[in-house]
Amino acid sequence: MSQKASDCLTAALCSDCHGEIDNGRDMNRDERRARMNDAIVRTLDQLARRGLVRAV
């Protein structure tokens, strides 16, 4: 049984990127996970730069 990921681990993706990561026909599971991790980091970076989240 899987667990729901934290809402803090959300990535802002366009529909094409979402499909690539979700379906990943050209990537293996590790490559898809690495791509998602990168997207999460980039999303958090942009939120922080805009002052919408901050580290405490």
C-alpha atoms as a PDB file:
ATOM      1  CA  MET A   1       0.000   0.000   0.000  1.00  0.00           C
ATOM      2  CA  SER A   2       1.390   3.405  -0.932  1.00  0.00           C
ATOM      3  CA  GLN A   3       1.505   6.497   1.215  1.00  0.00           C
ATOM      4  CA  LYS A   4       0.394   9.958   0.173  1.00  0.00           C
ATOM      5  CA  ALA A   5       3.316  12.324  -0.293  1.00  0.00           C
ATOM      6  CA  SER A   6       3.371  15.558   1.645  1.00  0.00           C
ATOM      7  CA  ASP A   7       1.733  18.510  -0.088  1.00  0.00           C
ATOM      8  CA  CYS A   8       5.079  20.268   0.383  1.00  0.00           C
ATOM      9  CA  LEU A   9       6.478  17.907  -2.244  1.00  0.00           C
ATOM     10  CA  THR A  10       4.391  19.298  -5.089  1.00  0.00           C
ATOM     11  CA  ALA A  11       5.854  20.421  -8.386  1.00  0.00           C
ATOM     12  CA  ALA A  12       4.386  23.011 -10.726  1.00  0.00           C
ATOM     13  CA  LEU A  13       4.405  21.243 -14.084  1.00  0.00           C
ATOM     14  CA  CYS A  14       2.918  21.898 -17.488  1.00  0.00           C
ATOM     15  CA  SER A  15       0.762  19.107 -18.873  1.00  0.00           C
ATOM     16  CA  ASP A  16       3.535  17.879 -21.201  1.00  0.00           C
ATOM     17  CA  CYS A  17       6.080  17.605 -18.368  1.00  0.00           C
ATOM     18  CA  HIS A  18       3.512  15.944 -16.125  1.00  0.00           C
ATOM     19  CA  GLY A  19       2.803  13.372 -18.802  1.00  0.00           C
ATOM     20  CA  GLU A  20       6.511  12.736 -19.356  1.00  0.00           C
ATOM     21  CA  ILE A  21       7.166  12.136 -15.669  1.00  0.00           C
ATOM     22  CA  ASP A  22       3.938  10.246 -15.029  1.00  0.00           C
ATOM     23  CA  ASN A  23       4.101   7.952 -18.055  1.00  0.00           C
ATOM     24  CA  GLY A  24       7.840   8.090 -18.669  1.00  0.00           C
ATOM     25  CA  ARG A  25       7.955   6.007 -21.809  1.00  0.00           C
ATOM     26  CA  ASP A  26      11.484   7.211 -22.532  1.00  0.00           C
ATOM     27  CA  MET A  27      12.699   7.094 -18.900  1.00  0.00           C
ATOM     28  CA  ASN A  28      13.112   4.367 -16.329  1.00  0.00           C
ATOM     29  CA  ARG A  29      11.718   4.706 -12.807  1.00  0.00           C
ATOM     30  CA  ASP A  30      14.911   6.217 -11.383  1.00  0.00           C
ATOM     31  CA  GLU A  31      15.089   8.786 -14.177  1.00  0.00           C
ATOM     32  CA  ARG A  32      11.433   9.745 -13.639  1.00  0.00           C
ATOM     33  CA  ARG A  33      12.039  10.099  -9.880  1.00  0.00           C
ATOM     34  CA  ALA A  34      15.125  12.262 -10.489  1.00  0.00           C
ATOM     35  CA  ARG A  35      13.130  14.467 -12.872  1.00  0.00           C
ATOM     36  CA  MET A  36      10.327  14.828 -10.308  1.00  0.00           C
ATOM     37  CA  ASN A  37      12.812  15.638  -7.526  1.00  0.00           C
ATOM     38  CA  ASP A  38      14.337  18.346  -9.709  1.00  0.00           C
ATOM     39  CA  ALA A  39      10.884  19.776 -10.460  1.00  0.00           C
ATOM     40  CA  ILE A  40      10.025  19.863  -6.743  1.00  0.00           C
ATOM     41  CA  VAL A  41      13.262  21.695  -5.924  1.00  0.00           C
ATOM     42  CA  ARG A  42      12.690  24.198  -8.729  1.00  0.00           C
ATOM     43  CA  THR A  43       9.113  24.811  -7.585  1.00  0.00           C
ATOM     44  CA  LEU A  44      10.201  25.416  -3.988  1.00  0.00           C
ATOM     45  CA  ASP A  45      12.970  27.722  -5.223  1.00  0.00           C
ATOM     46  CA  GLN A  46      10.490  29.843  -7.162  1.00  0.00           C
ATOM     47  CA  LEU A  47       8.042  29.967  -4.247  1.00  0.00           C
ATOM     48  CA  ALA A  48      10.838  31.095  -1.921  1.00  0.00           C
ATOM     49  CA  ARG A  49      12.085  33.734  -4.368  1.00  0.00           C
ATOM     50  CA  ARG A  50       8.550  35.142  -4.544  1.00  0.00           C
ATOM     51  CA  GLY A  51       8.261  35.216  -0.759  1.00  0.00           C
ATOM     52  CA  LEU A  52       5.455  32.659  -0.691  1.00  0.00           C
ATOM     53  CA  VAL A  53       7.366  30.180   1.500  1.00  0.00           C
ATOM     54  CA  ARG A  54      10.344  30.576   3.771  1.00  0.00           C
ATOM     55  CA  ALA A  55      12.607  28.373   5.844  1.00  0.00           C
ATOM     56  CA  VAL A  56      12.204  28.642   9.586  1.00  0.00           C
END
